[in-house]
Amino acid sequence: GLLLAGSTGCAAAPSIRVVVEGTGT
């Protein structure tokens, strides 16, 4: 029961990346 609950109920934390790029300032 614990294995089934753990494998279906919890989503992994997202990997978030913010990038600002270009030739400007």
mmCIF file of all heavy atoms, coordinates in Angstrom:
data_MODEL
# 
_entry.id   MODEL 
# 
loop_
_atom_site.group_PDB 
_atom_site.id 
_atom_site.type_symbol 
_atom_site.label_atom_id 
_atom_site.label_alt_id 
_atom_site.label_comp_id 
_atom_site.label_asym_id 
_atom_site.label_entity_id 
_atom_site.label_seq_id 
_atom_site.pdbx_PDB_ins_code 
_atom_site.Cartn_x 
_atom_site.Cartn_y 
_atom_site.Cartn_z 
_atom_site.occupancy 
_atom_site.B_iso_or_equiv 
_atom_site.pdbx_formal_charge 
_atom_site.auth_seq_id 
_atom_site.auth_comp_id 
_atom_site.auth_asym_id 
_atom_site.auth_atom_id 
_atom_site.pdbx_PDB_model_num 
ATOM 1   N N   . GLY A 1 1  ? 0.817  -1.217 0.000   1.00 0.00 ? 1  GLY A N   1 
ATOM 2   C CA  . GLY A 1 1  ? 0.000  0.000  0.000   1.00 0.00 ? 1  GLY A CA  1 
ATOM 3   C C   . GLY A 1 1  ? 0.842  1.255  0.000   1.00 0.00 ? 1  GLY A C   1 
ATOM 4   O O   . GLY A 1 1  ? 0.582  2.206  -0.725  1.00 0.00 ? 1  GLY A O   1 
ATOM 5   N N   . LEU A 1 2  ? 1.882  1.280  0.800   1.00 0.00 ? 2  LEU A N   1 
ATOM 6   C CA  . LEU A 1 2  ? 2.781  2.437  0.849   1.00 0.00 ? 2  LEU A CA  1 
ATOM 7   C C   . LEU A 1 2  ? 3.529  2.622  -0.465  1.00 0.00 ? 2  LEU A C   1 
ATOM 8   O O   . LEU A 1 2  ? 3.704  3.739  -0.945  1.00 0.00 ? 2  LEU A O   1 
ATOM 9   C CB  . LEU A 1 2  ? 3.777  2.301  2.001   1.00 0.00 ? 2  LEU A CB  1 
ATOM 10  C CG  . LEU A 1 2  ? 3.202  2.456  3.399   1.00 0.00 ? 2  LEU A CG  1 
ATOM 11  C CD1 . LEU A 1 2  ? 4.265  2.119  4.450   1.00 0.00 ? 2  LEU A CD1 1 
ATOM 12  C CD2 . LEU A 1 2  ? 2.680  3.866  3.605   1.00 0.00 ? 2  LEU A CD2 1 
ATOM 13  N N   . LEU A 1 3  ? 3.986  1.557  -1.059  1.00 0.00 ? 3  LEU A N   1 
ATOM 14  C CA  . LEU A 1 3  ? 4.683  1.652  -2.344  1.00 0.00 ? 3  LEU A CA  1 
ATOM 15  C C   . LEU A 1 3  ? 3.763  2.185  -3.431  1.00 0.00 ? 3  LEU A C   1 
ATOM 16  O O   . LEU A 1 3  ? 4.155  3.029  -4.231  1.00 0.00 ? 3  LEU A O   1 
ATOM 17  C CB  . LEU A 1 3  ? 5.246  0.287  -2.755  1.00 0.00 ? 3  LEU A CB  1 
ATOM 18  C CG  . LEU A 1 3  ? 6.454  -0.192 -1.960  1.00 0.00 ? 3  LEU A CG  1 
ATOM 19  C CD1 . LEU A 1 3  ? 6.810  -1.619 -2.343  1.00 0.00 ? 3  LEU A CD1 1 
ATOM 20  C CD2 . LEU A 1 3  ? 7.641  0.723  -2.187  1.00 0.00 ? 3  LEU A CD2 1 
ATOM 21  N N   . LEU A 1 4  ? 2.530  1.711  -3.482  1.00 0.00 ? 4  LEU A N   1 
ATOM 22  C CA  . LEU A 1 4  ? 1.589  2.190  -4.492  1.00 0.00 ? 4  LEU A CA  1 
ATOM 23  C C   . LEU A 1 4  ? 1.248  3.654  -4.274  1.00 0.00 ? 4  LEU A C   1 
ATOM 24  O O   . LEU A 1 4  ? 1.196  4.438  -5.221  1.00 0.00 ? 4  LEU A O   1 
ATOM 25  C CB  . LEU A 1 4  ? 0.311  1.348  -4.475  1.00 0.00 ? 4  LEU A CB  1 
ATOM 26  C CG  . LEU A 1 4  ? 0.445  -0.071 -5.025  1.00 0.00 ? 4  LEU A CG  1 
ATOM 27  C CD1 . LEU A 1 4  ? -0.852 -0.838 -4.822  1.00 0.00 ? 4  LEU A CD1 1 
ATOM 28  C CD2 . LEU A 1 4  ? 0.840  -0.054 -6.485  1.00 0.00 ? 4  LEU A CD2 1 
ATOM 29  N N   . ALA A 1 5  ? 1.032  4.064  -3.053  1.00 0.00 ? 5  ALA A N   1 
ATOM 30  C CA  . ALA A 1 5  ? 0.704  5.460  -2.758  1.00 0.00 ? 5  ALA A CA  1 
ATOM 31  C C   . ALA A 1 5  ? 1.863  6.372  -3.123  1.00 0.00 ? 5  ALA A C   1 
ATOM 32  O O   . ALA A 1 5  ? 1.683  7.442  -3.698  1.00 0.00 ? 5  ALA A O   1 
ATOM 33  C CB  . ALA A 1 5  ? 0.337  5.623  -1.285  1.00 0.00 ? 5  ALA A CB  1 
ATOM 34  N N   . GLY A 1 6  ? 3.065  5.952  -2.806  1.00 0.00 ? 6  GLY A N   1 
ATOM 35  C CA  . GLY A 1 6  ? 4.239  6.765  -3.104  1.00 0.00 ? 6  GLY A CA  1 
ATOM 36  C C   . GLY A 1 6  ? 4.518  6.880  -4.585  1.00 0.00 ? 6  GLY A C   1 
ATOM 37  O O   . GLY A 1 6  ? 4.999  7.890  -5.063  1.00 0.00 ? 6  GLY A O   1 
ATOM 38  N N   . SER A 1 7  ? 4.205  5.864  -5.357  1.00 0.00 ? 7  SER A N   1 
ATOM 39  C CA  . SER A 1 7  ? 4.538  5.904  -6.775  1.00 0.00 ? 7  SER A CA  1 
ATOM 40  C C   . SER A 1 7  ? 3.503  6.635  -7.615  1.00 0.00 ? 7  SER A C   1 
ATOM 41  O O   . SER A 1 7  ? 3.799  7.047  -8.722  1.00 0.00 ? 7  SER A O   1 
ATOM 42  C CB  . SER A 1 7  ? 4.726  4.482  -7.313  1.00 0.00 ? 7  SER A CB  1 
ATOM 43  O OG  . SER A 1 7  ? 3.506  3.782  -7.257  1.00 0.00 ? 7  SER A OG  1 
ATOM 44  N N   . THR A 1 8  ? 2.288  6.811  -7.126  1.00 0.00 ? 8  THR A N   1 
ATOM 45  C CA  . THR A 1 8  ? 1.257  7.452  -7.938  1.00 0.00 ? 8  THR A CA  1 
ATOM 46  C C   . THR A 1 8  ? 0.859  8.827  -7.454  1.00 0.00 ? 8  THR A C   1 
ATOM 47  O O   . THR A 1 8  ? 0.360  9.622  -8.222  1.00 0.00 ? 8  THR A O   1 
ATOM 48  C CB  . THR A 1 8  ? -0.014 6.576  -7.981  1.00 0.00 ? 8  THR A CB  1 
ATOM 49  O OG1 . THR A 1 8  ? -0.478 6.400  -6.647  1.00 0.00 ? 8  THR A OG1 1 
ATOM 50  C CG2 . THR A 1 8  ? 0.258  5.240  -8.648  1.00 0.00 ? 8  THR A CG2 1 
ATOM 51  N N   . GLY A 1 9  ? 1.085  9.150  -6.186  1.00 0.00 ? 9  GLY A N   1 
ATOM 52  C CA  . GLY A 1 9  ? 0.541  10.383 -5.652  1.00 0.00 ? 9  GLY A CA  1 
ATOM 53  C C   . GLY A 1 9  ? 1.485  11.580 -5.632  1.00 0.00 ? 9  GLY A C   1 
ATOM 54  O O   . GLY A 1 9  ? 1.056  12.689 -5.423  1.00 0.00 ? 9  GLY A O   1 
ATOM 55  N N   . CYS A 1 10 ? 2.752  11.387 -5.823  1.00 0.00 ? 10 CYS A N   1 
ATOM 56  C CA  . CYS A 1 10 ? 3.696  12.482 -5.676  1.00 0.00 ? 10 CYS A CA  1 
ATOM 57  C C   . CYS A 1 10 ? 4.385  12.795 -6.997  1.00 0.00 ? 10 CYS A C   1 
ATOM 58  O O   . CYS A 1 10 ? 4.994  11.915 -7.600  1.00 0.00 ? 10 CYS A O   1 
ATOM 59  C CB  . CYS A 1 10 ? 4.762  12.131 -4.636  1.00 0.00 ? 10 CYS A CB  1 
ATOM 60  S SG  . CYS A 1 10 ? 4.059  11.834 -3.005  1.00 0.00 ? 10 CYS A SG  1 
ATOM 61  N N   . ALA A 1 11 ? 4.285  14.026 -7.421  1.00 0.00 ? 11 ALA A N   1 
ATOM 62  C CA  . ALA A 1 11 ? 4.974  14.448 -8.643  1.00 0.00 ? 11 ALA A CA  1 
ATOM 63  C C   . ALA A 1 11 ? 6.350  14.987 -8.272  1.00 0.00 ? 11 ALA A C   1 
ATOM 64  O O   . ALA A 1 11 ? 6.550  15.560 -7.210  1.00 0.00 ? 11 ALA A O   1 
ATOM 65  C CB  . ALA A 1 11 ? 4.156  15.532 -9.348  1.00 0.00 ? 11 ALA A CB  1 
ATOM 66  N N   . ALA A 1 12 ? 7.282  14.797 -9.160  1.00 0.00 ? 12 ALA A N   1 
ATOM 67  C CA  . ALA A 1 12 ? 8.637  15.303 -8.934  1.00 0.00 ? 12 ALA A CA  1 
ATOM 68  C C   . ALA A 1 12 ? 8.642  16.820 -9.042  1.00 0.00 ? 12 ALA A C   1 
ATOM 69  O O   . ALA A 1 12 ? 7.833  17.412 -9.755  1.00 0.00 ? 12 ALA A O   1 
ATOM 70  C CB  . ALA A 1 12 ? 9.580  14.697 -9.959  1.00 0.00 ? 12 ALA A CB  1 
ATOM 71  N N   . ALA A 1 13 ? 9.559  17.457 -8.333  1.00 0.00 ? 13 ALA A N   1 
ATOM 72  C CA  . ALA A 1 13 ? 9.693  18.922 -8.408  1.00 0.00 ? 13 ALA A CA  1 
ATOM 73  C C   . ALA A 1 13 ? 10.123 19.316 -9.816  1.00 0.00 ? 13 ALA A C   1 
ATOM 74  O O   . ALA A 1 13 ? 10.953 18.647 -10.423 1.00 0.00 ? 13 ALA A O   1 
ATOM 75  C CB  . ALA A 1 13 ? 10.722 19.400 -7.391  1.00 0.00 ? 13 ALA A CB  1 
ATOM 76  N N   . PRO A 1 14 ? 9.563  20.388 -10.355 1.00 0.00 ? 14 PRO A N   1 
ATOM 77  C CA  . PRO A 1 14 ? 9.935  20.807 -11.700 1.00 0.00 ? 14 PRO A CA  1 
ATOM 78  C C   . PRO A 1 14 ? 11.337 21.418 -11.730 1.00 0.00 ? 14 PRO A C   1 
ATOM 79  O O   . PRO A 1 14 ? 11.820 21.945 -10.739 1.00 0.00 ? 14 PRO A O   1 
ATOM 80  C CB  . PRO A 1 14 ? 8.884  21.864 -12.037 1.00 0.00 ? 14 PRO A CB  1 
ATOM 81  C CG  . PRO A 1 14 ? 8.502  22.433 -10.715 1.00 0.00 ? 14 PRO A CG  1 
ATOM 82  C CD  . PRO A 1 14 ? 8.572  21.274 -9.752  1.00 0.00 ? 14 PRO A CD  1 
ATOM 83  N N   . SER A 1 15 ? 11.968 21.334 -12.871 1.00 0.00 ? 15 SER A N   1 
ATOM 84  C CA  . SER A 1 15 ? 13.247 21.998 -13.106 1.00 0.00 ? 15 SER A CA  1 
ATOM 85  C C   . SER A 1 15 ? 12.941 23.267 -13.897 1.00 0.00 ? 15 SER A C   1 
ATOM 86  O O   . SER A 1 15 ? 12.538 23.198 -15.059 1.00 0.00 ? 15 SER A O   1 
ATOM 87  C CB  . SER A 1 15 ? 14.172 21.082 -13.896 1.00 0.00 ? 15 SER A CB  1 
ATOM 88  O OG  . SER A 1 15 ? 15.306 21.793 -14.325 1.00 0.00 ? 15 SER A OG  1 
ATOM 89  N N   . ILE A 1 16 ? 13.092 24.427 -13.264 1.00 0.00 ? 16 ILE A N   1 
ATOM 90  C CA  . ILE A 1 16 ? 12.739 25.711 -13.884 1.00 0.00 ? 16 ILE A CA  1 
ATOM 91  C C   . ILE A 1 16 ? 14.012 26.482 -14.187 1.00 0.00 ? 16 ILE A C   1 
ATOM 92  O O   . ILE A 1 16 ? 14.887 26.606 -13.331 1.00 0.00 ? 16 ILE A O   1 
ATOM 93  C CB  . ILE A 1 16 ? 11.844 26.537 -12.943 1.00 0.00 ? 16 ILE A CB  1 
ATOM 94  C CG1 . ILE A 1 16 ? 10.576 25.748 -12.603 1.00 0.00 ? 16 ILE A CG1 1 
ATOM 95  C CG2 . ILE A 1 16 ? 11.514 27.883 -13.573 1.00 0.00 ? 16 ILE A CG2 1 
ATOM 96  C CD1 . ILE A 1 16 ? 9.794  26.315 -11.460 1.00 0.00 ? 16 ILE A CD1 1 
ATOM 97  N N   . ARG A 1 17 ? 14.080 26.994 -15.395 1.00 0.00 ? 17 ARG A N   1 
ATOM 98  C CA  . ARG A 1 17 ? 15.247 27.787 -15.798 1.00 0.00 ? 17 ARG A CA  1 
ATOM 99  C C   . ARG A 1 17 ? 14.758 29.038 -16.506 1.00 0.00 ? 17 ARG A C   1 
ATOM 100 O O   . ARG A 1 17 ? 13.921 28.975 -17.396 1.00 0.00 ? 17 ARG A O   1 
ATOM 101 C CB  . ARG A 1 17 ? 16.121 26.967 -16.734 1.00 0.00 ? 17 ARG A CB  1 
ATOM 102 C CG  . ARG A 1 17 ? 17.493 27.524 -16.938 1.00 0.00 ? 17 ARG A CG  1 
ATOM 103 C CD  . ARG A 1 17 ? 18.350 26.533 -17.664 1.00 0.00 ? 17 ARG A CD  1 
ATOM 104 N NE  . ARG A 1 17 ? 17.884 26.395 -19.030 1.00 0.00 ? 17 ARG A NE  1 
ATOM 105 C CZ  . ARG A 1 17 ? 18.682 26.380 -20.087 1.00 0.00 ? 17 ARG A CZ  1 
ATOM 106 N NH1 . ARG A 1 17 ? 19.973 26.457 -19.946 1.00 0.00 ? 17 ARG A NH1 1 
ATOM 107 N NH2 . ARG A 1 17 ? 18.179 26.262 -21.283 1.00 0.00 ? 17 ARG A NH2 1 
ATOM 108 N N   . VAL A 1 18 ? 15.266 30.199 -16.086 1.00 0.00 ? 18 VAL A N   1 
ATOM 109 C CA  . VAL A 1 18 ? 14.978 31.475 -16.739 1.00 0.00 ? 18 VAL A CA  1 
ATOM 110 C C   . VAL A 1 18 ? 16.272 31.953 -17.382 1.00 0.00 ? 18 VAL A C   1 
ATOM 111 O O   . VAL A 1 18 ? 17.314 31.995 -16.725 1.00 0.00 ? 18 VAL A O   1 
ATOM 112 C CB  . VAL A 1 18 ? 14.467 32.521 -15.718 1.00 0.00 ? 18 VAL A CB  1 
ATOM 113 C CG1 . VAL A 1 18 ? 14.419 33.899 -16.343 1.00 0.00 ? 18 VAL A CG1 1 
ATOM 114 C CG2 . VAL A 1 18 ? 13.112 32.124 -15.182 1.00 0.00 ? 18 VAL A CG2 1 
ATOM 115 N N   . VAL A 1 19 ? 16.191 32.306 -18.665 1.00 0.00 ? 19 VAL A N   1 
ATOM 116 C CA  . VAL A 1 19 ? 17.362 32.767 -19.404 1.00 0.00 ? 19 VAL A CA  1 
ATOM 117 C C   . VAL A 1 19 ? 17.018 34.078 -20.095 1.00 0.00 ? 19 VAL A C   1 
ATOM 118 O O   . VAL A 1 19 ? 15.962 34.193 -20.721 1.00 0.00 ? 19 VAL A O   1 
ATOM 119 C CB  . VAL A 1 19 ? 17.779 31.731 -20.482 1.00 0.00 ? 19 VAL A CB  1 
ATOM 120 C CG1 . VAL A 1 19 ? 18.959 32.237 -21.282 1.00 0.00 ? 19 VAL A CG1 1 
ATOM 121 C CG2 . VAL A 1 19 ? 18.092 30.400 -19.845 1.00 0.00 ? 19 VAL A CG2 1 
ATOM 122 N N   . VAL A 1 20 ? 17.901 35.064 -19.970 1.00 0.00 ? 20 VAL A N   1 
ATOM 123 C CA  . VAL A 1 20 ? 17.784 36.310 -20.741 1.00 0.00 ? 20 VAL A CA  1 
ATOM 124 C C   . VAL A 1 20 ? 19.091 36.427 -21.512 1.00 0.00 ? 20 VAL A C   1 
ATOM 125 O O   . VAL A 1 20 ? 20.170 36.414 -20.929 1.00 0.00 ? 20 VAL A O   1 
ATOM 126 C CB  . VAL A 1 20 ? 17.575 37.550 -19.838 1.00 0.00 ? 20 VAL A CB  1 
ATOM 127 C CG1 . VAL A 1 20 ? 17.504 38.812 -20.686 1.00 0.00 ? 20 VAL A CG1 1 
ATOM 128 C CG2 . VAL A 1 20 ? 16.320 37.390 -18.993 1.00 0.00 ? 20 VAL A CG2 1 
ATOM 129 N N   . GLU A 1 21 ? 18.965 36.521 -22.833 1.00 0.00 ? 21 GLU A N   1 
ATOM 130 C CA  . GLU A 1 21 ? 20.157 36.561 -23.664 1.00 0.00 ? 21 GLU A CA  1 
ATOM 131 C C   . GLU A 1 21 ? 19.932 37.456 -24.878 1.00 0.00 ? 21 GLU A C   1 
ATOM 132 O O   . GLU A 1 21 ? 18.809 37.805 -25.191 1.00 0.00 ? 21 GLU A O   1 
ATOM 133 C CB  . GLU A 1 21 ? 20.544 35.151 -24.119 1.00 0.00 ? 21 GLU A CB  1 
ATOM 134 C CG  . GLU A 1 21 ? 19.443 34.448 -24.884 1.00 0.00 ? 21 GLU A CG  1 
ATOM 135 C CD  . GLU A 1 21 ? 19.711 32.969 -25.097 1.00 0.00 ? 21 GLU A CD  1 
ATOM 136 O OE1 . GLU A 1 21 ? 20.733 32.463 -24.608 1.00 0.00 ? 21 GLU A OE1 1 
ATOM 137 O OE2 . GLU A 1 21 ? 18.891 32.326 -25.755 1.00 0.00 ? 21 GLU A OE2 1 
ATOM 138 N N   . GLY A 1 22 ? 21.005 37.813 -25.522 1.00 0.00 ? 22 GLY A N   1 
ATOM 139 C CA  . GLY A 1 22 ? 20.937 38.625 -26.721 1.00 0.00 ? 22 GLY A CA  1 
ATOM 140 C C   . GLY A 1 22 ? 22.116 39.575 -26.787 1.00 0.00 ? 22 GLY A C   1 
ATOM 141 O O   . GLY A 1 22 ? 23.045 39.507 -25.971 1.00 0.00 ? 22 GLY A O   1 
ATOM 142 N N   . THR A 1 23 ? 22.048 40.477 -27.747 1.00 0.00 ? 23 THR A N   1 
ATOM 143 C CA  . THR A 1 23 ? 23.157 41.412 -27.953 1.00 0.00 ? 23 THR A CA  1 
ATOM 144 C C   . THR A 1 23 ? 23.006 42.679 -27.134 1.00 0.00 ? 23 THR A C   1 
ATOM 145 O O   . THR A 1 23 ? 23.900 43.518 -27.134 1.00 0.00 ? 23 THR A O   1 
ATOM 146 C CB  . THR A 1 23 ? 23.237 41.791 -29.438 1.00 0.00 ? 23 THR A CB  1 
ATOM 147 O OG1 . THR A 1 23 ? 21.982 42.352 -29.837 1.00 0.00 ? 23 THR A OG1 1 
ATOM 148 C CG2 . THR A 1 23 ? 23.542 40.573 -30.294 1.00 0.00 ? 23 THR A CG2 1 
ATOM 149 N N   . GLY A 1 24 ? 21.886 42.842 -26.439 1.00 0.00 ? 24 GLY A N   1 
ATOM 150 C CA  . GLY A 1 24 ? 21.610 44.068 -25.714 1.00 0.00 ? 24 GLY A CA  1 
ATOM 151 C C   . GLY A 1 24 ? 21.983 44.051 -24.253 1.00 0.00 ? 24 GLY A C   1 
ATOM 152 O O   . GLY A 1 24 ? 22.572 43.099 -23.736 1.00 0.00 ? 24 GLY A O   1 
ATOM 153 N N   . THR A 1 25 ? 21.603 45.137 -23.589 1.00 0.00 ? 25 THR A N   1 
ATOM 154 C CA  . THR A 1 25 ? 21.786 45.296 -22.146 1.00 0.00 ? 25 THR A CA  1 
ATOM 155 C C   . THR A 1 25 ? 20.485 45.843 -21.567 1.00 0.00 ? 25 THR A C   1 
ATOM 156 O O   . THR A 1 25 ? 19.599 46.275 -22.304 1.00 0.00 ? 25 THR A O   1 
ATOM 157 C CB  . THR A 1 25 ? 22.923 46.290 -21.831 1.00 0.00 ? 25 THR A CB  1 
ATOM 158 O OG1 . THR A 1 25 ? 22.587 47.566 -22.384 1.00 0.00 ? 25 THR A OG1 1 
ATOM 159 C CG2 . THR A 1 25 ? 24.248 45.818 -22.399 1.00 0.00 ? 25 THR A CG2 1 
# 
